[in-house]
């Protein structure tokens, strides 16, 4: 049950603004969620600082807005005609290679003066770890050993340490009393490390790159299930549009008792926690659970229509574990739609002119989204 937090919502600071701008969870865009959070927190100055020139231009052109509304209505009609059952049948019949992997979950600039080029390095990092003793970073073999450090050195010298303690605390992991690390043994040079070691909890690994810290999570893909040919359609973006206009008006909402979720939700955003509720440009619905994790779908319509799909775990939803679907964009010609099936398979259809692409996601036993290839 979502209980939220008792403290009032703080206005987002520049760190969280930059985090939301740059976030690349599931290799999808997360830019537009920024607008919604700023509206929610009521921060006009932050809006002025972060609004794009395109958004400002749209506010000044009434005819453009009218055209945009017409385009959105057309997009809704297109989405409603998608044959998701046929798409599911096609992808349920495919063969997949499922291998566990380390995925970048969160990163932060902890110096304030770094350029953005380290982000590309962190995003492209290929990690393999064998027995907590052999670590491969982009093919470079490193000998390591697992140990625990006194936090004094980190408290004194590591600028990123306060943010990491908050980040891990939000995950229920305490690195304040002692710091679990992988100690480099095969070299005396830092290789994406700090002080010749990496903070490592077993499921999370922190790497360092020229003023940035990146936290990687071990994502389980193997033996997590595959699309089932007998699964049935549970919910789509077209359903959500109907249910927002009139609650439980879609066939699937009536079939699965899907209703608007009007209680407060705790949102984990890296090293920050916010509180969010239906209204002010956000509409949430709660879907049936999969593997014990309730699924929440949100329509953020503060700017272009954007759907956000979350799993609910640890009494919260997390921006670091979210599928972003941009239904309509003022910035390019892409249009996206989604469908969620009863076997935990989620499809995102991207249409760009005459080109159509389907991305397939699954939910593993820990509630993580992952892309199925």
Protein backbone atom coordinates (compact mmCIF):
# COMPACT_ATOMS: atom_id res chain seq x y z
CA UNK A 1 0.00 0.00 0.00
CA UNK A 2 1.39 3.37 -0.96
CA UNK A 3 1.63 5.57 2.11
CA UNK A 4 3.85 8.35 0.74
CA UNK A 5 5.98 10.58 2.93
CA UNK A 6 4.82 13.14 5.40
CA UNK A 7 7.18 15.92 4.42
CA UNK A 8 6.03 18.54 1.89
CA UNK A 9 7.33 18.25 -1.65
CA UNK A 10 10.55 20.14 -2.19
CA UNK A 11 11.08 22.12 -5.36
CA UNK A 12 13.44 20.19 -7.63
CA UNK A 13 17.03 21.39 -7.45
CA UNK A 14 19.36 21.62 -10.44
CA UNK A 15 20.79 18.15 -9.81
CA UNK A 16 17.45 16.40 -10.16
CA UNK A 17 16.54 18.60 -13.12
CA UNK A 18 19.73 17.57 -14.90
CA UNK A 19 19.16 13.95 -13.92
CA UNK A 20 15.69 13.94 -15.43
CA UNK A 21 16.90 15.72 -18.56
CA UNK A 22 19.69 13.22 -19.18
CA UNK A 23 18.00 10.06 -17.96
CA UNK A 24 18.07 7.26 -20.55
CA UNK A 25 16.25 4.45 -18.75
CA UNK A 26 15.51 1.50 -21.03
CA UNK A 27 17.18 3.54 -23.79
CA UNK A 28 14.02 5.62 -24.13
CA UNK A 29 13.58 9.37 -23.83
CA UNK A 30 12.86 10.72 -20.35
CA UNK A 31 13.00 14.43 -21.19
CA UNK A 32 9.29 15.19 -20.96
CA UNK A 33 8.82 13.90 -17.43
CA UNK A 34 10.82 16.94 -16.33
CA UNK A 35 8.01 19.26 -17.36
CA UNK A 36 5.48 17.36 -15.31
CA UNK A 37 7.58 17.35 -12.15
CA UNK A 38 8.16 21.08 -12.41
CA UNK A 39 4.43 21.71 -12.82
CA UNK A 40 3.72 19.44 -9.89
CA UNK A 41 6.18 21.20 -7.61
CA UNK A 42 4.99 24.63 -8.72
CA UNK A 43 8.40 25.97 -9.60
CA UNK A 44 8.03 28.78 -12.18
CA UNK A 45 11.70 29.74 -12.06
CA UNK A 46 12.80 26.20 -12.76
CA UNK A 47 10.36 26.11 -15.65
CA UNK A 48 11.91 29.27 -17.05
CA UNK A 49 15.40 27.84 -16.68
CA UNK A 50 14.64 24.50 -18.31
CA UNK A 51 11.93 25.14 -20.88
CA UNK A 52 13.06 24.54 -24.44
CA UNK A 53 12.85 27.25 -27.10
CA UNK A 54 10.39 25.06 -28.99
CA UNK A 55 8.05 24.91 -25.98
CA UNK A 56 8.16 28.68 -25.56
CA UNK A 57 7.37 29.15 -29.24
CA UNK A 58 4.35 26.83 -29.02
CA UNK A 59 2.90 28.85 -26.16
CA UNK A 60 2.94 31.90 -28.38
CA UNK A 61 1.26 30.40 -31.43
CA UNK A 62 -2.40 29.61 -31.04
CA UNK A 63 -2.76 28.13 -34.49
CA UNK A 64 0.07 25.70 -33.78
CA UNK A 65 -1.70 24.49 -30.65
CA UNK A 66 -4.93 23.95 -32.58
CA UNK A 67 -3.05 21.89 -35.14
CA UNK A 68 -1.37 19.94 -32.36
CA UNK A 69 -4.73 19.07 -30.78
CA UNK A 70 -5.95 17.83 -34.13
CA UNK A 71 -2.84 15.71 -34.55
CA UNK A 72 -3.31 14.21 -31.08
CA UNK A 73 -6.91 13.25 -31.86
CA UNK A 74 -5.76 11.61 -35.10
CA UNK A 75 -3.03 9.77 -33.20
CA UNK A 76 -5.57 8.42 -30.68
CA UNK A 77 -7.68 7.05 -33.52
CA UNK A 78 -4.62 5.40 -35.12
CA UNK A 79 -3.66 3.75 -31.82
CA UNK A 80 -7.12 2.31 -31.33
CA UNK A 81 -6.84 0.37 -34.60
CA UNK A 82 -3.56 -1.39 -33.79
CA UNK A 83 -3.95 -5.18 -33.82
CA UNK A 84 -1.97 -5.94 -30.66
CA UNK A 85 -3.06 -9.58 -30.57
CA UNK A 86 -1.46 -10.15 -33.98
CA UNK A 87 1.71 -8.39 -32.84
CA UNK A 88 1.86 -10.53 -29.71
CA UNK A 89 1.31 -13.74 -31.68
CA UNK A 90 4.24 -12.82 -33.93
CA UNK A 91 6.66 -12.05 -31.11
CA UNK A 92 5.55 -14.96 -28.93
CA UNK A 93 6.61 -17.27 -31.75
CA UNK A 94 10.15 -15.83 -31.96
CA UNK A 95 13.30 -17.28 -30.39
CA UNK A 96 15.22 -15.10 -27.97
CA UNK A 97 18.67 -15.12 -26.42
CA UNK A 98 18.37 -14.07 -22.80
CA UNK A 99 21.53 -13.20 -20.92
CA UNK A 100 21.85 -11.34 -17.64
CA UNK A 101 23.59 -7.99 -17.92
CA UNK A 102 24.79 -4.91 -16.06
CA UNK A 103 22.74 -1.87 -17.04
CA UNK A 104 23.31 1.79 -16.22
CA UNK A 105 20.53 2.69 -13.77
CA UNK A 106 21.54 6.17 -12.65
CA UNK A 107 24.34 8.69 -12.99
CA UNK A 108 25.24 12.08 -11.62
CA UNK A 109 27.72 14.89 -12.16
CA UNK A 110 29.29 15.35 -8.73
CA UNK A 111 31.80 18.10 -9.56
CA UNK A 112 29.56 20.64 -11.27
CA UNK A 113 32.12 21.52 -13.93
CA UNK A 114 32.35 18.37 -16.07
CA UNK A 115 31.27 18.28 -19.67
CA UNK A 116 28.71 15.73 -20.79
CA UNK A 117 31.09 13.49 -22.76
CA UNK A 118 31.61 11.05 -19.84
CA UNK A 119 27.90 10.19 -20.06
CA UNK A 120 28.45 8.47 -23.41
CA UNK A 121 31.28 6.42 -21.91
CA UNK A 122 29.12 5.34 -19.01
CA UNK A 123 26.20 4.46 -21.28
CA UNK A 124 28.35 2.38 -23.62
CA UNK A 125 30.15 0.49 -20.84
CA UNK A 126 30.15 -3.29 -21.21
CA UNK A 127 30.53 -5.02 -17.85
CA UNK A 128 31.11 -8.64 -16.92
CA UNK A 129 31.90 -9.85 -13.43
CA UNK A 130 32.94 -13.39 -12.54
CA UNK A 131 32.88 -14.59 -8.96
CA UNK A 132 33.58 -11.14 -7.50
CA UNK A 133 37.20 -11.67 -8.57
CA UNK A 134 37.49 -10.96 -12.31
CA UNK A 135 35.96 -7.77 -13.68
CA UNK A 136 35.78 -6.88 -17.37
CA UNK A 137 35.17 -3.24 -18.32
CA UNK A 138 34.82 -2.80 -22.09
CA UNK A 139 36.90 -5.94 -22.55
CA UNK A 140 39.70 -4.90 -20.18
CA UNK A 141 40.37 -7.68 -17.67
CA UNK A 142 40.84 -6.57 -14.07
CA UNK A 143 41.56 -8.67 -11.02
CA UNK A 144 39.52 -7.57 -8.01
CA UNK A 145 38.59 -8.78 -4.56
CA UNK A 146 35.54 -8.06 -2.44
CA UNK A 147 36.02 -6.32 0.90
CA UNK A 148 34.54 -3.69 3.20
CA UNK A 149 35.92 -0.21 3.87
CA UNK A 150 35.57 2.20 6.74
CA UNK A 151 33.45 5.14 5.49
CA UNK A 152 35.88 7.76 6.85
CA UNK A 153 37.93 7.94 3.66
CA UNK A 154 34.80 8.36 1.54
CA UNK A 155 33.33 10.96 3.87
CA UNK A 156 36.55 12.96 3.67
CA UNK A 157 37.55 12.63 0.01
CA UNK A 158 34.63 11.46 -2.15
CA UNK A 159 32.40 14.27 -3.42
CA UNK A 160 29.87 11.76 -4.73
CA UNK A 161 29.53 9.85 -1.45
CA UNK A 162 26.60 11.86 0.04
CA UNK A 163 24.57 11.34 -3.14
CA UNK A 164 25.40 7.65 -3.27
CA UNK A 165 24.40 7.12 0.36
CA UNK A 166 21.01 8.69 -0.40
CA UNK A 167 20.65 6.71 -3.64
CA UNK A 168 21.34 3.39 -1.92
CA UNK A 169 19.23 4.34 1.10
CA UNK A 170 16.27 4.78 -1.26
CA UNK A 171 16.90 1.17 -2.31
CA UNK A 172 17.08 -0.02 1.30
CA UNK A 173 20.90 -0.39 1.23
CA UNK A 174 23.00 1.23 3.97
CA UNK A 175 26.57 2.26 3.05
CA UNK A 176 26.94 4.78 5.89
CA UNK A 177 28.41 2.50 8.58
CA UNK A 178 30.59 0.50 6.18
CA UNK A 179 31.26 0.65 2.46
CA UNK A 180 31.25 -2.61 0.42
CA UNK A 181 33.79 -2.43 -2.39
CA UNK A 182 35.66 -4.32 -5.08
CA UNK A 183 39.37 -3.62 -4.60
CA UNK A 184 41.56 -3.42 -7.71
CA UNK A 185 44.48 -5.84 -7.49
CA UNK A 186 45.87 -6.05 -11.01
CA UNK A 187 46.78 -2.39 -11.53
CA UNK A 188 47.81 0.72 -9.62
CA UNK A 189 45.96 2.97 -12.03
CA UNK A 190 42.31 3.91 -11.63
CA UNK A 191 40.21 2.22 -14.32
CA UNK A 192 36.79 3.87 -13.97
CA UNK A 193 37.50 3.55 -10.24
CA UNK A 194 38.18 5.90 -7.35
CA UNK A 195 40.97 5.19 -4.87
CA UNK A 196 41.53 1.94 -6.78
CA UNK A 197 38.18 0.52 -5.77
CA UNK A 198 34.52 0.41 -6.74
CA UNK A 199 31.51 0.59 -4.43
CA UNK A 200 29.79 -2.76 -4.97
CA UNK A 201 26.75 -4.24 -3.22
CA UNK A 202 26.31 -7.44 -5.20
CA UNK A 203 23.46 -6.09 -7.31
CA UNK A 204 24.86 -2.60 -7.84
CA UNK A 205 28.27 -1.42 -9.04
CA UNK A 206 29.48 2.20 -9.11
CA UNK A 207 31.94 3.39 -11.76
CA UNK A 208 33.59 6.79 -12.04
CA UNK A 209 34.36 8.78 -15.16
CA UNK A 210 35.78 12.31 -15.18
CA UNK A 211 33.48 13.93 -12.67
CA UNK A 212 30.54 11.54 -13.05
CA UNK A 213 29.47 8.56 -10.97
CA UNK A 214 27.39 5.90 -12.69
CA UNK A 215 25.52 3.16 -10.87
CA UNK A 216 24.91 -0.10 -12.73
CA UNK A 217 22.38 -2.71 -11.76
CA UNK A 218 22.60 -6.41 -12.45
CA UNK A 219 19.49 -7.19 -14.51
CA UNK A 220 18.27 -10.75 -14.63
CA UNK A 221 17.04 -11.86 -18.05
CA UNK A 222 17.78 -15.58 -18.08
CA UNK A 223 14.95 -17.89 -17.00
CA UNK A 224 12.61 -14.95 -16.45
CA UNK A 225 9.94 -16.13 -18.85
CA UNK A 226 9.11 -15.35 -22.47
CA UNK A 227 6.02 -14.05 -24.28
CA UNK A 228 3.30 -16.68 -24.02
CA UNK A 229 1.07 -17.42 -27.04
CA UNK A 230 -1.89 -17.87 -24.66
CA UNK A 231 -1.51 -14.46 -22.97
CA UNK A 232 -4.29 -11.94 -23.39
CA UNK A 233 -4.32 -8.18 -23.79
CA UNK A 234 -4.75 -6.27 -20.51
CA UNK A 235 -4.32 -2.57 -21.34
CA UNK A 236 -3.30 -0.10 -24.05
CA UNK A 237 -2.78 3.63 -24.46
CA UNK A 238 -6.12 3.80 -26.30
CA UNK A 239 -7.77 2.31 -23.19
CA UNK A 240 -6.15 4.91 -20.96
CA UNK A 241 -7.39 7.78 -23.11
CA UNK A 242 -10.93 6.41 -22.84
CA UNK A 243 -10.68 5.89 -19.09
CA UNK A 244 -9.38 9.40 -18.52
CA UNK A 245 -12.34 10.85 -20.44
CA UNK A 246 -14.69 8.63 -18.42
CA UNK A 247 -13.50 6.29 -15.66
CA UNK A 248 -13.68 2.57 -16.51
CA UNK A 249 -15.21 3.26 -19.91
CA UNK A 250 -12.77 0.98 -21.77
CA UNK A 251 -13.53 -2.71 -22.18
CA UNK A 252 -10.27 -3.75 -20.54
CA UNK A 253 -10.80 -1.49 -17.54
CA UNK A 254 -14.17 -3.12 -16.95
CA UNK A 255 -12.75 -6.60 -17.48
CA UNK A 256 -9.80 -6.18 -15.10
CA UNK A 257 -11.29 -3.61 -12.70
CA UNK A 258 -8.71 -0.98 -13.68
CA UNK A 259 -9.43 2.32 -11.99
CA UNK A 260 -7.86 5.71 -11.55
CA UNK A 261 -5.38 5.70 -8.68
CA UNK A 262 -6.12 8.77 -6.60
CA UNK A 263 -3.88 8.20 -3.60
CA UNK A 264 -0.41 9.68 -3.26
CA UNK A 265 2.52 7.78 -4.74
CA UNK A 266 6.10 7.95 -3.58
CA UNK A 267 8.47 8.45 -6.53
CA UNK A 268 12.15 7.55 -6.23
CA UNK A 269 14.29 9.69 -8.51
CA UNK A 270 17.89 8.64 -7.99
CA UNK A 271 19.06 10.26 -4.77
CA UNK A 272 15.77 12.10 -4.31
CA UNK A 273 12.26 11.13 -3.27
CA UNK A 274 9.21 13.06 -4.42
CA UNK A 275 5.49 12.61 -3.88
CA UNK A 276 2.99 12.64 -6.72
CA UNK A 277 -0.78 12.35 -7.09
CA UNK A 278 -3.41 12.34 -9.80
CA UNK A 279 -3.97 15.81 -11.20
CA UNK A 280 -1.79 18.72 -12.30
CA UNK A 281 -1.12 17.03 -15.63
CA UNK A 282 -0.74 13.45 -14.35
CA UNK A 283 -3.33 10.67 -14.54
CA UNK A 284 -2.50 7.30 -12.96
CA UNK A 285 -4.26 3.96 -13.25
CA UNK A 286 -3.38 0.80 -11.37
CA UNK A 287 -3.26 -2.48 -13.30
CA UNK A 288 -3.27 -6.05 -11.98
CA UNK A 289 -0.02 -7.29 -10.48
CA UNK A 290 2.52 -9.38 -12.37
CA UNK A 291 4.91 -11.54 -10.31
CA UNK A 292 3.59 -9.73 -7.25
CA UNK A 293 4.34 -6.24 -8.59
CA UNK A 294 1.40 -3.91 -9.29
CA UNK A 295 1.78 -2.04 -12.58
CA UNK A 296 1.06 1.68 -12.74
CA UNK A 297 0.50 3.58 -15.97
CA UNK A 298 0.58 7.36 -16.04
CA UNK A 299 -0.38 9.85 -18.72
CA UNK A 300 1.70 13.02 -18.40
CA UNK A 301 0.04 15.63 -20.59
CA UNK A 302 1.79 18.76 -19.36
CA UNK A 303 3.51 19.05 -22.74
CA UNK A 304 3.25 16.41 -25.45
CA UNK A 305 1.33 13.32 -24.35
CA UNK A 306 3.71 10.92 -22.64
CA UNK A 307 2.92 7.56 -21.07
CA UNK A 308 5.02 6.27 -18.19
CA UNK A 309 4.85 2.62 -17.13
CA UNK A 310 6.12 1.61 -13.67
CA UNK A 311 6.26 -1.42 -11.42
CA UNK A 312 5.42 -0.76 -7.78
CA UNK A 313 7.96 -2.12 -5.30
CA UNK A 314 9.40 -1.08 -1.96
CA UNK A 315 6.27 1.07 -1.49
CA UNK A 316 7.22 3.32 -4.41
CA UNK A 317 7.64 3.72 -8.14
CA UNK A 318 11.02 4.65 -9.59
CA UNK A 319 12.11 6.80 -12.51
CA UNK A 320 15.12 4.52 -12.83
CA UNK A 321 12.78 1.63 -13.68
CA UNK A 322 10.29 3.09 -16.12
CA UNK A 323 9.18 2.59 -19.71
CA UNK A 324 8.59 5.89 -21.48
CA UNK A 325 6.18 6.07 -24.42
CA UNK A 326 5.89 9.39 -26.24
CA UNK A 327 2.50 9.35 -27.95
CA UNK A 328 2.98 12.63 -29.75
CA UNK A 329 5.95 14.95 -30.14
CA UNK A 330 6.30 18.54 -31.26
CA UNK A 331 10.00 17.89 -31.85
CA UNK A 332 9.93 15.07 -34.40
CA UNK A 333 7.51 12.93 -36.41
CA UNK A 334 7.63 9.88 -34.17
CA UNK A 335 4.44 8.55 -32.61
CA UNK A 336 4.40 5.79 -30.03
CA UNK A 337 1.81 3.52 -28.47
CA UNK A 338 1.91 0.61 -26.02
CA UNK A 339 0.17 -2.59 -25.04
CA UNK A 340 0.52 -4.63 -21.84
CA UNK A 341 -0.24 -8.37 -21.85
CA UNK A 342 -1.10 -10.71 -19.00
CA UNK A 343 2.23 -12.57 -19.24
CA UNK A 344 4.24 -9.45 -18.36
CA UNK A 345 5.11 -8.59 -21.97
CA UNK A 346 4.93 -4.92 -22.91
CA UNK A 347 5.07 -3.73 -26.51
CA UNK A 348 5.98 -0.22 -27.63
CA UNK A 349 5.20 0.60 -31.25
CA UNK A 350 7.17 3.48 -32.76
CA UNK A 351 5.98 4.96 -36.05
CA UNK A 352 8.15 7.43 -37.94
CA UNK A 353 6.59 8.17 -41.31
CA UNK A 354 6.40 4.84 -43.13
CA UNK A 355 8.78 3.11 -40.71
CA UNK A 356 7.39 1.05 -37.82
CA UNK A 357 9.42 -0.53 -35.04
CA UNK A 358 8.28 -2.77 -32.19
CA UNK A 359 10.24 -2.87 -28.93
CA UNK A 360 9.52 -5.77 -26.59
CA UNK A 361 9.92 -5.48 -22.82
CA UNK A 362 9.53 -7.99 -20.03
CA UNK A 363 9.35 -7.82 -16.22
CA UNK A 364 11.74 -10.05 -14.30
CA UNK A 365 11.32 -11.66 -10.87
CA UNK A 366 12.67 -8.53 -9.16
CA UNK A 367 10.24 -6.17 -10.90
CA UNK A 368 12.83 -4.77 -13.33
CA UNK A 369 11.88 -3.92 -16.90
CA UNK A 370 14.27 -5.21 -19.53
CA UNK A 371 14.32 -5.22 -23.30
CA UNK A 372 13.92 -8.57 -25.01
CA UNK A 373 16.09 -9.08 -28.08
